[in-house]
Amino acid sequence: MTRLFSLALEKGRPGGLYHAVAGEAPNRWIAERVAADLGVEARSLTPKEAADVWGEFGALVMSVSGRIRAVRAQQDLGWQPEHTDMLTTIGEERLRRLATPAG
């Protein structure tokens, strides 16, 4: 991501918005992949349930967070992602260790 910041400073246009993502990963896909990895069923939340989990603003953000792509970063700046997207890392042992409380 540091490379993208450097490119944005060198080549970016004023007010330009550049995303640093390796692909498209809607929140629903992430939730379904995590649920499958954990052996549980994914389900949608009601607006009230979502607000209880993330707060009202967080629930709004999560509900409208669809697909984000790095088209401008790639076209305008020549940036290419070097790492995999979030979906391909779900279930990796290194991440499981981070999520498991010590004890």
Protein backbone atom coordinates (compact mmCIF):
# COMPACT_ATOMS: atom_id res chain seq x y z
CA MET A 1 0.00 0.00 0.00
CA THR A 2 2.95 2.30 0.59
CA ARG A 3 3.72 2.06 -3.12
CA LEU A 4 0.21 3.28 -3.95
CA PHE A 5 0.61 6.28 -1.63
CA SER A 6 3.89 7.18 -3.35
CA LEU A 7 2.32 6.86 -6.80
CA ALA A 8 -0.66 8.97 -5.74
CA LEU A 9 1.69 11.73 -4.59
CA GLU A 10 3.77 11.53 -7.76
CA LYS A 11 1.10 10.99 -10.42
CA GLY A 12 -2.29 11.42 -8.77
CA ARG A 13 -4.68 14.20 -9.61
CA PRO A 14 -5.80 16.66 -6.92
CA GLY A 15 -8.83 15.26 -5.11
CA GLY A 16 -8.29 11.82 -6.69
CA LEU A 17 -9.64 8.81 -4.82
CA TYR A 18 -7.56 5.66 -5.16
CA HIS A 19 -8.45 2.32 -3.58
CA ALA A 20 -5.82 -0.27 -2.67
CA VAL A 21 -7.64 -3.55 -3.23
CA ALA A 22 -6.65 -6.69 -5.09
CA GLY A 23 -10.14 -7.53 -6.26
CA GLU A 24 -13.79 -7.25 -5.39
CA ALA A 25 -14.99 -8.53 -2.05
CA PRO A 26 -18.48 -7.47 -0.96
CA ASN A 27 -19.14 -7.83 2.77
CA ARG A 28 -21.60 -10.64 2.05
CA TRP A 29 -18.89 -12.73 0.36
CA ILE A 30 -16.55 -12.16 3.30
CA ALA A 31 -19.23 -13.14 5.83
CA GLU A 32 -20.13 -16.27 3.86
CA ARG A 33 -16.48 -17.33 3.57
CA VAL A 34 -15.81 -16.77 7.28
CA ALA A 35 -19.00 -18.64 8.24
CA ALA A 36 -18.05 -21.58 6.01
CA ASP A 37 -14.56 -21.62 7.49
CA LEU A 38 -16.02 -21.71 11.00
CA GLY A 39 -18.58 -24.35 10.06
CA VAL A 40 -21.57 -22.15 10.80
CA GLU A 41 -24.32 -20.72 8.67
CA ALA A 42 -24.18 -17.12 7.45
CA ARG A 43 -27.28 -15.01 7.77
CA SER A 44 -28.35 -11.46 7.09
CA LEU A 45 -28.96 -9.07 9.95
CA THR A 46 -31.93 -6.81 10.41
CA PRO A 47 -31.10 -3.09 10.56
CA LYS A 48 -31.62 -3.19 14.35
CA GLU A 49 -29.33 -6.20 14.79
CA ALA A 50 -26.66 -4.55 12.65
CA ALA A 51 -26.88 -1.34 14.70
CA ASP A 52 -26.52 -3.39 17.90
CA VAL A 53 -23.32 -4.93 16.50
CA TRP A 54 -21.66 -1.98 14.74
CA GLY A 55 -23.59 1.07 15.96
CA GLU A 56 -25.89 3.03 13.67
CA PHE A 57 -23.17 4.57 11.51
CA GLY A 58 -21.24 1.30 11.26
CA ALA A 59 -24.41 -0.54 10.25
CA LEU A 60 -25.00 2.03 7.51
CA VAL A 61 -21.44 1.65 6.24
CA MET A 62 -21.66 -2.14 6.29
CA SER A 63 -24.99 -2.11 4.45
CA VAL A 64 -23.73 0.00 1.57
CA SER A 65 -20.22 -1.40 1.33
CA GLY A 66 -20.53 -3.21 -1.93
CA ARG A 67 -17.83 -3.75 -4.44
CA ILE A 68 -14.73 -1.63 -4.34
CA ARG A 69 -12.25 -1.90 -7.16
CA ALA A 70 -8.91 -0.24 -7.76
CA VAL A 71 -9.60 0.78 -11.37
CA ARG A 72 -8.35 4.37 -11.04
CA ALA A 73 -5.26 3.35 -9.11
CA GLN A 74 -4.41 0.88 -11.83
CA GLN A 75 -5.27 3.07 -14.82
CA ASP A 76 -4.18 6.51 -13.59
CA LEU A 77 -1.16 5.49 -11.54
CA GLY A 78 -0.08 2.18 -13.04
CA TRP A 79 -0.43 0.50 -9.63
CA GLN A 80 -0.87 -3.25 -9.38
CA PRO A 81 -1.66 -5.14 -6.17
CA GLU A 82 1.12 -7.35 -4.89
CA HIS A 83 -0.87 -9.35 -2.34
CA THR A 84 -3.91 -11.57 -2.44
CA ASP A 85 -7.38 -10.32 -1.61
CA MET A 86 -9.11 -10.84 1.72
CA LEU A 87 -11.19 -13.78 0.53
CA THR A 88 -8.14 -15.90 -0.24
CA THR A 89 -6.67 -15.37 3.23
CA ILE A 90 -9.72 -16.48 5.24
CA GLY A 91 -8.89 -19.71 7.03
CA GLU A 92 -5.11 -19.30 6.95
CA GLU A 93 -3.48 -20.76 10.05
CA ARG A 94 -1.56 -17.53 10.79
CA LEU A 95 -4.87 -15.65 11.01
CA ARG A 96 -6.47 -18.34 13.13
CA ARG A 97 -3.63 -17.96 15.65
CA LEU A 98 -4.25 -14.20 15.80
CA ALA A 99 -7.96 -14.77 16.46
CA THR A 100 -7.46 -17.38 19.18
CA PRO A 101 -7.20 -15.92 22.67
CA ALA A 102 -4.02 -16.89 24.50
CA GLY A 103 -4.61 -18.90 27.51
